[in-house]
Amino acid sequence: MYSLGLQVLRAKVRGFHAAGSTITQRISRSKLERKHKLWNAKRALGTYARHHMIAYGLLRGIPYEQIERCAANNAPDPNYVLRIMQDHDVKKHTLEEVVSLLTVAHASAAPAATSEPSSPTTVKPVASPRVALEKRA
């Protein structure tokens, strides 16, 4: 069984999901400026929920690489994740600890170069249609 803080954080994440579904229904019934405001509210809720889900996963001991894969320019805010972790866990975490947990994924995301020759049974992946189109141009 998880600690009370983790249970509260899990309940929050579930609440964010329900709120997002409600906003989606309202978006589909709205028009123009109201629809735009609802989309902005949904985006803000999504960012808020993302940081809570990352904090929940890290508190459970799940490596960041398994929680999400994001581009380097879309990394989560470590200060915000730290604040959420401190609000929901008895153990006091440091900013350096959170930064190291979040940066491990970006450092290990680069594929390692191998010097092994490809075997005759290795199947080479086919280039995606987008790459094929770029080569034509």
N, C-alpha and C. Protein backbone atom coordinates (compact mmCIF):
# COMPACT_ATOMS: atom_id res chain seq x y z
N MET A 1 0.83 -1.18 0.00
CA MET A 1 0.00 0.00 0.00
C MET A 1 0.88 1.24 0.00
N TYR A 2 0.47 2.24 -0.75
CA TYR A 2 1.23 3.47 -0.85
C TYR A 2 0.94 4.38 0.33
N SER A 3 1.86 5.32 0.56
CA SER A 3 1.68 6.27 1.65
C SER A 3 0.48 7.17 1.35
N LEU A 4 0.04 7.87 2.36
CA LEU A 4 -1.11 8.75 2.21
C LEU A 4 -0.83 9.84 1.17
N GLY A 5 0.39 10.39 1.18
CA GLY A 5 0.75 11.42 0.22
C GLY A 5 0.65 10.93 -1.21
N LEU A 6 1.11 9.69 -1.47
CA LEU A 6 1.02 9.12 -2.81
C LEU A 6 -0.42 8.85 -3.20
N GLN A 7 -1.24 8.44 -2.25
CA GLN A 7 -2.65 8.20 -2.55
C GLN A 7 -3.35 9.51 -2.92
N VAL A 8 -3.00 10.58 -2.22
CA VAL A 8 -3.58 11.89 -2.53
C VAL A 8 -3.13 12.33 -3.92
N LEU A 9 -1.85 12.15 -4.22
CA LEU A 9 -1.33 12.54 -5.54
C LEU A 9 -1.99 11.74 -6.65
N ARG A 10 -2.20 10.46 -6.41
CA ARG A 10 -2.88 9.61 -7.40
C ARG A 10 -4.32 10.09 -7.61
N ALA A 11 -4.99 10.45 -6.54
CA ALA A 11 -6.36 10.95 -6.66
C ALA A 11 -6.40 12.26 -7.45
N LYS A 12 -5.39 13.11 -7.25
CA LYS A 12 -5.32 14.36 -8.01
C LYS A 12 -5.18 14.07 -9.50
N VAL A 13 -4.29 13.13 -9.85
CA VAL A 13 -4.07 12.80 -11.25
C VAL A 13 -5.35 12.27 -11.88
N ARG A 14 -6.08 11.45 -11.14
CA ARG A 14 -7.36 10.95 -11.65
C ARG A 14 -8.37 12.09 -11.83
N GLY A 15 -8.33 13.04 -10.92
CA GLY A 15 -9.21 14.20 -11.03
C GLY A 15 -8.87 15.05 -12.25
N PHE A 16 -7.57 15.18 -12.54
CA PHE A 16 -7.16 15.92 -13.74
C PHE A 16 -7.70 15.24 -14.99
N HIS A 17 -7.67 13.92 -15.00
CA HIS A 17 -8.19 13.18 -16.16
C HIS A 17 -9.68 13.46 -16.34
N ALA A 18 -10.42 13.41 -15.26
CA ALA A 18 -11.86 13.66 -15.33
C ALA A 18 -12.14 15.10 -15.78
N ALA A 19 -11.37 16.05 -15.25
CA ALA A 19 -11.56 17.45 -15.64
C ALA A 19 -11.24 17.65 -17.12
N GLY A 20 -10.19 16.99 -17.60
CA GLY A 20 -9.83 17.09 -19.02
C GLY A 20 -10.93 16.54 -19.91
N SER A 21 -11.54 15.45 -19.50
CA SER A 21 -12.64 14.88 -20.28
C SER A 21 -13.83 15.82 -20.31
N THR A 22 -14.11 16.45 -19.19
CA THR A 22 -15.22 17.41 -19.12
C THR A 22 -14.95 18.61 -20.03
N ILE A 23 -13.73 19.12 -20.00
CA ILE A 23 -13.39 20.26 -20.86
C ILE A 23 -13.51 19.86 -22.32
N THR A 24 -13.08 18.64 -22.67
CA THR A 24 -13.18 18.17 -24.05
C THR A 24 -14.62 18.16 -24.52
N GLN A 25 -15.54 17.72 -23.68
CA GLN A 25 -16.96 17.72 -24.04
C GLN A 25 -17.47 19.14 -24.23
N ARG A 26 -17.04 20.04 -23.37
CA ARG A 26 -17.47 21.43 -23.49
C ARG A 26 -16.89 22.08 -24.75
N ILE A 27 -15.67 21.70 -25.12
CA ILE A 27 -15.05 22.25 -26.33
C ILE A 27 -15.87 21.87 -27.56
N SER A 28 -16.30 20.61 -27.60
CA SER A 28 -17.03 20.15 -28.78
C SER A 28 -18.38 20.85 -28.93
N ARG A 29 -18.94 21.39 -27.84
CA ARG A 29 -20.23 22.09 -27.91
C ARG A 29 -20.09 23.60 -28.04
N SER A 30 -18.85 24.10 -27.96
CA SER A 30 -18.63 25.55 -27.96
C SER A 30 -18.23 26.06 -29.33
N LYS A 31 -18.25 27.38 -29.43
CA LYS A 31 -17.88 28.02 -30.70
C LYS A 31 -16.95 29.19 -30.43
N LEU A 32 -16.13 29.47 -31.43
CA LEU A 32 -15.26 30.63 -31.52
C LEU A 32 -14.46 30.95 -30.27
N GLU A 33 -14.68 32.14 -29.69
CA GLU A 33 -13.83 32.61 -28.61
C GLU A 33 -13.92 31.71 -27.37
N ARG A 34 -15.10 31.22 -27.07
CA ARG A 34 -15.26 30.32 -25.92
C ARG A 34 -14.48 29.04 -26.15
N LYS A 35 -14.50 28.53 -27.36
CA LYS A 35 -13.76 27.31 -27.69
C LYS A 35 -12.26 27.55 -27.51
N HIS A 36 -11.79 28.70 -27.93
CA HIS A 36 -10.38 29.05 -27.78
C HIS A 36 -9.99 29.10 -26.30
N LYS A 37 -10.82 29.72 -25.48
CA LYS A 37 -10.54 29.80 -24.04
C LYS A 37 -10.52 28.41 -23.40
N LEU A 38 -11.44 27.55 -23.83
CA LEU A 38 -11.48 26.20 -23.29
C LEU A 38 -10.24 25.41 -23.69
N TRP A 39 -9.78 25.58 -24.94
CA TRP A 39 -8.55 24.89 -25.37
C TRP A 39 -7.36 25.35 -24.54
N ASN A 40 -7.27 26.64 -24.26
CA ASN A 40 -6.18 27.15 -23.43
C ASN A 40 -6.25 26.57 -22.02
N ALA A 41 -7.46 26.45 -21.49
CA ALA A 41 -7.63 25.86 -20.16
C ALA A 41 -7.22 24.39 -20.18
N LYS A 42 -7.55 23.68 -21.25
CA LYS A 42 -7.18 22.26 -21.35
C LYS A 42 -5.67 22.10 -21.46
N ARG A 43 -5.01 22.98 -22.22
CA ARG A 43 -3.55 22.92 -22.32
C ARG A 43 -2.89 23.17 -20.97
N ALA A 44 -3.39 24.17 -20.25
CA ALA A 44 -2.84 24.48 -18.93
C ALA A 44 -3.04 23.30 -17.98
N LEU A 45 -4.22 22.70 -18.03
CA LEU A 45 -4.49 21.54 -17.19
C LEU A 45 -3.56 20.38 -17.56
N GLY A 46 -3.29 20.22 -18.85
CA GLY A 46 -2.40 19.15 -19.30
C GLY A 46 -0.99 19.33 -18.77
N THR A 47 -0.49 20.54 -18.78
CA THR A 47 0.85 20.82 -18.25
C THR A 47 0.89 20.56 -16.75
N TYR A 48 -0.13 21.00 -16.07
CA TYR A 48 -0.24 20.79 -14.62
C TYR A 48 -0.29 19.29 -14.31
N ALA A 49 -1.10 18.55 -15.05
CA ALA A 49 -1.24 17.11 -14.83
C ALA A 49 0.06 16.38 -15.16
N ARG A 50 0.76 16.81 -16.22
CA ARG A 50 2.01 16.16 -16.62
C ARG A 50 3.02 16.21 -15.48
N HIS A 51 3.19 17.37 -14.87
CA HIS A 51 4.15 17.50 -13.78
C HIS A 51 3.74 16.65 -12.57
N HIS A 52 2.46 16.57 -12.30
CA HIS A 52 1.99 15.73 -11.19
C HIS A 52 2.23 14.25 -11.49
N MET A 53 2.01 13.83 -12.74
CA MET A 53 2.25 12.42 -13.08
C MET A 53 3.74 12.08 -13.01
N ILE A 54 4.60 13.01 -13.43
CA ILE A 54 6.04 12.78 -13.34
C ILE A 54 6.45 12.66 -11.88
N ALA A 55 5.97 13.56 -11.03
CA ALA A 55 6.29 13.50 -9.60
C ALA A 55 5.78 12.19 -8.98
N TYR A 56 4.58 11.78 -9.36
CA TYR A 56 4.01 10.53 -8.85
C TYR A 56 4.91 9.34 -9.23
N GLY A 57 5.32 9.30 -10.47
CA GLY A 57 6.19 8.21 -10.91
C GLY A 57 7.53 8.21 -10.20
N LEU A 58 8.14 9.39 -10.07
CA LEU A 58 9.44 9.47 -9.40
C LEU A 58 9.33 9.07 -7.92
N LEU A 59 8.25 9.46 -7.27
CA LEU A 59 8.05 9.07 -5.86
C LEU A 59 7.85 7.56 -5.71
N ARG A 60 7.32 6.94 -6.73
CA ARG A 60 7.14 5.49 -6.69
C ARG A 60 8.42 4.74 -7.06
N GLY A 61 9.46 5.49 -7.48
CA GLY A 61 10.73 4.87 -7.82
C GLY A 61 10.84 4.46 -9.28
N ILE A 62 9.95 4.94 -10.11
CA ILE A 62 9.99 4.60 -11.53
C ILE A 62 10.99 5.54 -12.22
N PRO A 63 11.92 5.00 -13.00
CA PRO A 63 12.87 5.87 -13.71
C PRO A 63 12.14 6.79 -14.69
N TYR A 64 12.68 7.99 -14.85
CA TYR A 64 12.05 8.99 -15.71
C TYR A 64 11.90 8.47 -17.14
N GLU A 65 12.85 7.68 -17.62
CA GLU A 65 12.77 7.15 -18.98
C GLU A 65 11.51 6.33 -19.20
N GLN A 66 11.02 5.69 -18.14
CA GLN A 66 9.82 4.87 -18.26
C GLN A 66 8.54 5.70 -18.07
N ILE A 67 8.67 6.87 -17.50
CA ILE A 67 7.50 7.72 -17.29
C ILE A 67 7.12 8.41 -18.59
N GLU A 68 8.09 9.02 -19.25
CA GLU A 68 7.81 9.70 -20.51
C GLU A 68 9.09 9.83 -21.31
N ARG A 69 8.91 10.05 -22.59
CA ARG A 69 10.03 10.36 -23.48
C ARG A 69 9.68 11.69 -24.14
N CYS A 70 10.48 12.68 -23.85
CA CYS A 70 10.19 14.00 -24.41
C CYS A 70 11.44 14.58 -25.06
N ALA A 71 11.22 15.55 -25.89
CA ALA A 71 12.33 16.24 -26.53
C ALA A 71 13.06 17.08 -25.48
N ALA A 72 14.31 17.35 -25.75
CA ALA A 72 15.12 18.13 -24.80
C ALA A 72 14.54 19.52 -24.58
N ASN A 73 13.87 20.07 -25.59
CA ASN A 73 13.30 21.41 -25.44
C ASN A 73 11.93 21.39 -24.74
N ASN A 74 11.48 20.21 -24.34
CA ASN A 74 10.18 20.08 -23.67
C ASN A 74 10.34 19.43 -22.29
N ALA A 75 11.51 19.60 -21.70
CA ALA A 75 11.79 18.98 -20.41
C ALA A 75 10.90 19.59 -19.33
N PRO A 76 10.50 18.79 -18.34
CA PRO A 76 9.67 19.33 -17.26
C PRO A 76 10.46 20.28 -16.37
N ASP A 77 9.75 21.14 -15.69
CA ASP A 77 10.35 22.11 -14.78
C ASP A 77 10.73 21.41 -13.48
N PRO A 78 12.03 21.26 -13.18
CA PRO A 78 12.43 20.54 -11.96
C PRO A 78 11.96 21.21 -10.68
N ASN A 79 11.88 22.55 -10.66
CA ASN A 79 11.41 23.25 -9.45
C ASN A 79 9.96 22.89 -9.15
N TYR A 80 9.16 22.82 -10.19
CA TYR A 80 7.75 22.50 -10.02
C TYR A 80 7.57 21.04 -9.58
N VAL A 81 8.33 20.14 -10.19
CA VAL A 81 8.27 18.72 -9.81
C VAL A 81 8.72 18.56 -8.36
N LEU A 82 9.77 19.28 -7.97
CA LEU A 82 10.27 19.23 -6.59
C LEU A 82 9.19 19.68 -5.61
N ARG A 83 8.51 20.78 -5.94
CA ARG A 83 7.47 21.28 -5.04
C ARG A 83 6.35 20.26 -4.85
N ILE A 84 5.96 19.61 -5.94
CA ILE A 84 4.91 18.59 -5.85
C ILE A 84 5.40 17.40 -5.02
N MET A 85 6.65 17.00 -5.24
CA MET A 85 7.19 15.86 -4.48
C MET A 85 7.26 16.20 -2.99
N GLN A 86 7.66 17.41 -2.65
CA GLN A 86 7.74 17.80 -1.25
C GLN A 86 6.37 17.90 -0.60
N ASP A 87 5.37 18.29 -1.38
CA ASP A 87 4.01 18.39 -0.85
C ASP A 87 3.40 17.02 -0.55
N HIS A 88 3.88 15.98 -1.24
CA HIS A 88 3.22 14.68 -1.13
C HIS A 88 4.11 13.57 -0.58
N ASP A 89 5.28 13.89 -0.07
CA ASP A 89 6.15 12.85 0.47
C ASP A 89 6.75 13.31 1.79
N VAL A 90 6.95 12.37 2.68
CA VAL A 90 7.53 12.68 3.98
C VAL A 90 9.01 13.01 3.82
N LYS A 91 9.70 12.26 2.95
CA LYS A 91 11.12 12.48 2.72
C LYS A 91 11.33 13.83 2.04
N LYS A 92 12.30 14.57 2.50
CA LYS A 92 12.60 15.86 1.90
C LYS A 92 13.56 15.65 0.73
N HIS A 93 13.14 16.07 -0.43
CA HIS A 93 13.95 15.94 -1.63
C HIS A 93 14.64 17.27 -1.92
N THR A 94 15.76 17.21 -2.63
CA THR A 94 16.49 18.41 -3.00
C THR A 94 16.34 18.67 -4.49
N LEU A 95 16.60 19.90 -4.88
CA LEU A 95 16.52 20.25 -6.29
C LEU A 95 17.56 19.47 -7.10
N GLU A 96 18.75 19.30 -6.53
CA GLU A 96 19.80 18.55 -7.23
C GLU A 96 19.36 17.11 -7.49
N GLU A 97 18.70 16.51 -6.52
CA GLU A 97 18.21 15.14 -6.67
C GLU A 97 17.18 15.04 -7.79
N VAL A 98 16.25 15.97 -7.83
CA VAL A 98 15.21 15.97 -8.86
C VAL A 98 15.82 16.22 -10.23
N VAL A 99 16.75 17.17 -10.32
CA VAL A 99 17.41 17.45 -11.59
C VAL A 99 18.15 16.21 -12.09
N SER A 100 18.83 15.51 -11.19
CA SER A 100 19.55 14.30 -11.62
C SER A 100 18.59 13.21 -12.06
N LEU A 101 17.45 13.10 -11.41
CA LEU A 101 16.45 12.10 -11.82
C LEU A 101 15.88 12.42 -13.19
N LEU A 102 15.72 13.72 -13.49
CA LEU A 102 15.13 14.13 -14.75
C LEU A 102 16.14 14.19 -15.89
N THR A 103 17.41 14.41 -15.61
CA THR A 103 18.41 14.54 -16.67
C THR A 103 19.03 13.22 -17.07
N VAL A 104 18.86 12.20 -16.28
CA VAL A 104 19.40 10.89 -16.63
C VAL A 104 18.83 10.43 -17.97
N ALA A 105 17.58 10.74 -18.21
CA ALA A 105 16.93 10.30 -19.45
C ALA A 105 17.55 10.97 -20.66
N HIS A 106 17.84 12.25 -20.57
CA HIS A 106 18.38 12.95 -21.73
C HIS A 106 19.82 12.53 -22.00
N ALA A 107 20.57 12.21 -20.98
CA ALA A 107 21.95 11.78 -21.19
C ALA A 107 22.00 10.38 -21.80
N SER A 108 21.08 9.52 -21.38
CA SER A 108 21.10 8.14 -21.89
C SER A 108 20.27 7.99 -23.15
N ALA A 109 19.59 9.05 -23.59
CA ALA A 109 18.75 8.95 -24.77
C ALA A 109 19.56 8.88 -26.05
N ALA A 110 20.81 9.37 -26.03
CA ALA A 110 21.64 9.32 -27.23
C ALA A 110 22.06 7.89 -27.50
N PRO A 111 21.82 7.40 -28.70
CA PRO A 111 22.17 6.02 -29.00
C PRO A 111 23.69 5.84 -29.01
N ALA A 112 24.13 4.75 -28.46
CA ALA A 112 25.56 4.45 -28.41
C ALA A 112 26.01 3.92 -29.77
N ALA A 113 27.15 4.39 -30.20
CA ALA A 113 27.68 3.92 -31.49
C ALA A 113 28.30 2.55 -31.29
N THR A 114 27.95 1.63 -32.13
CA THR A 114 28.51 0.29 -32.05
C THR A 114 29.41 0.05 -33.25
N SER A 115 30.47 -0.67 -33.01
CA SER A 115 31.40 -0.95 -34.09
C SER A 115 31.21 -2.36 -34.64
N GLU A 116 30.14 -3.02 -34.21
CA GLU A 116 29.89 -4.37 -34.69
C GLU A 116 29.40 -4.34 -36.13
N PRO A 117 29.96 -5.20 -36.96
CA PRO A 117 29.45 -5.26 -38.33
C PRO A 117 28.08 -5.90 -38.35
N SER A 118 27.26 -5.48 -39.28
CA SER A 118 25.92 -6.04 -39.34
C SER A 118 25.99 -7.46 -39.90
N SER A 119 25.24 -8.34 -39.32
CA SER A 119 25.24 -9.73 -39.78
C SER A 119 24.36 -9.85 -41.01
N PRO A 120 24.53 -10.91 -41.80
CA PRO A 120 23.74 -11.07 -43.01
C PRO A 120 22.25 -11.22 -42.72
N THR A 121 21.88 -11.63 -41.51
CA THR A 121 20.47 -11.82 -41.20
C THR A 121 19.82 -10.56 -40.65
N THR A 122 20.61 -9.50 -40.46
CA THR A 122 20.05 -8.26 -39.94
C THR A 122 19.21 -7.59 -41.02
N VAL A 123 18.02 -7.20 -40.63
CA VAL A 123 17.12 -6.52 -41.55
C VAL A 123 17.28 -5.03 -41.32
N LYS A 124 17.59 -4.31 -42.38
CA LYS A 124 17.73 -2.86 -42.25
C LYS A 124 16.35 -2.22 -42.34
N PRO A 125 16.08 -1.25 -41.46
CA PRO A 125 14.76 -0.61 -41.50
C PRO A 125 14.58 0.22 -42.77
N VAL A 126 13.38 0.22 -43.26
CA VAL A 126 13.04 1.00 -44.43
C VAL A 126 12.85 2.44 -44.01
N ALA A 127 13.34 3.36 -44.82
CA ALA A 127 13.19 4.77 -44.50
C ALA A 127 11.71 5.14 -44.49
N SER A 128 11.37 6.04 -43.60
CA SER A 128 9.98 6.48 -43.52
C SER A 128 9.60 7.25 -44.77
N PRO A 129 8.32 7.34 -45.11
CA PRO A 129 7.91 8.09 -46.29
C PRO A 129 8.37 9.54 -46.27
N ARG A 130 8.41 10.14 -45.10
CA ARG A 130 8.85 11.53 -44.99
C ARG A 130 10.31 11.67 -45.41
N VAL A 131 11.17 10.73 -44.94
CA VAL A 131 12.58 10.78 -45.30
C VAL A 131 12.73 10.55 -46.80
N ALA A 132 11.95 9.62 -47.34
CA ALA A 132 12.01 9.35 -48.77
C ALA A 132 11.61 10.57 -49.58
N LEU A 133 10.60 11.30 -49.14
CA LEU A 133 10.19 12.51 -49.84
C LEU A 133 11.24 13.61 -49.76
N GLU A 134 11.90 13.71 -48.60
CA GLU A 134 12.93 14.74 -48.45
C GLU A 134 14.11 14.45 -49.35
N LYS A 135 14.44 13.15 -49.56
CA LYS A 135 15.55 12.80 -50.42
C LYS A 135 15.24 13.11 -51.89
N ARG A 136 13.97 13.01 -52.27
CA ARG A 136 13.56 13.29 -53.65
C ARG A 136 13.72 14.77 -53.98
N ALA A 137 13.44 15.62 -53.03
CA ALA A 137 13.43 17.07 -53.29
C ALA A 137 14.81 17.63 -53.48
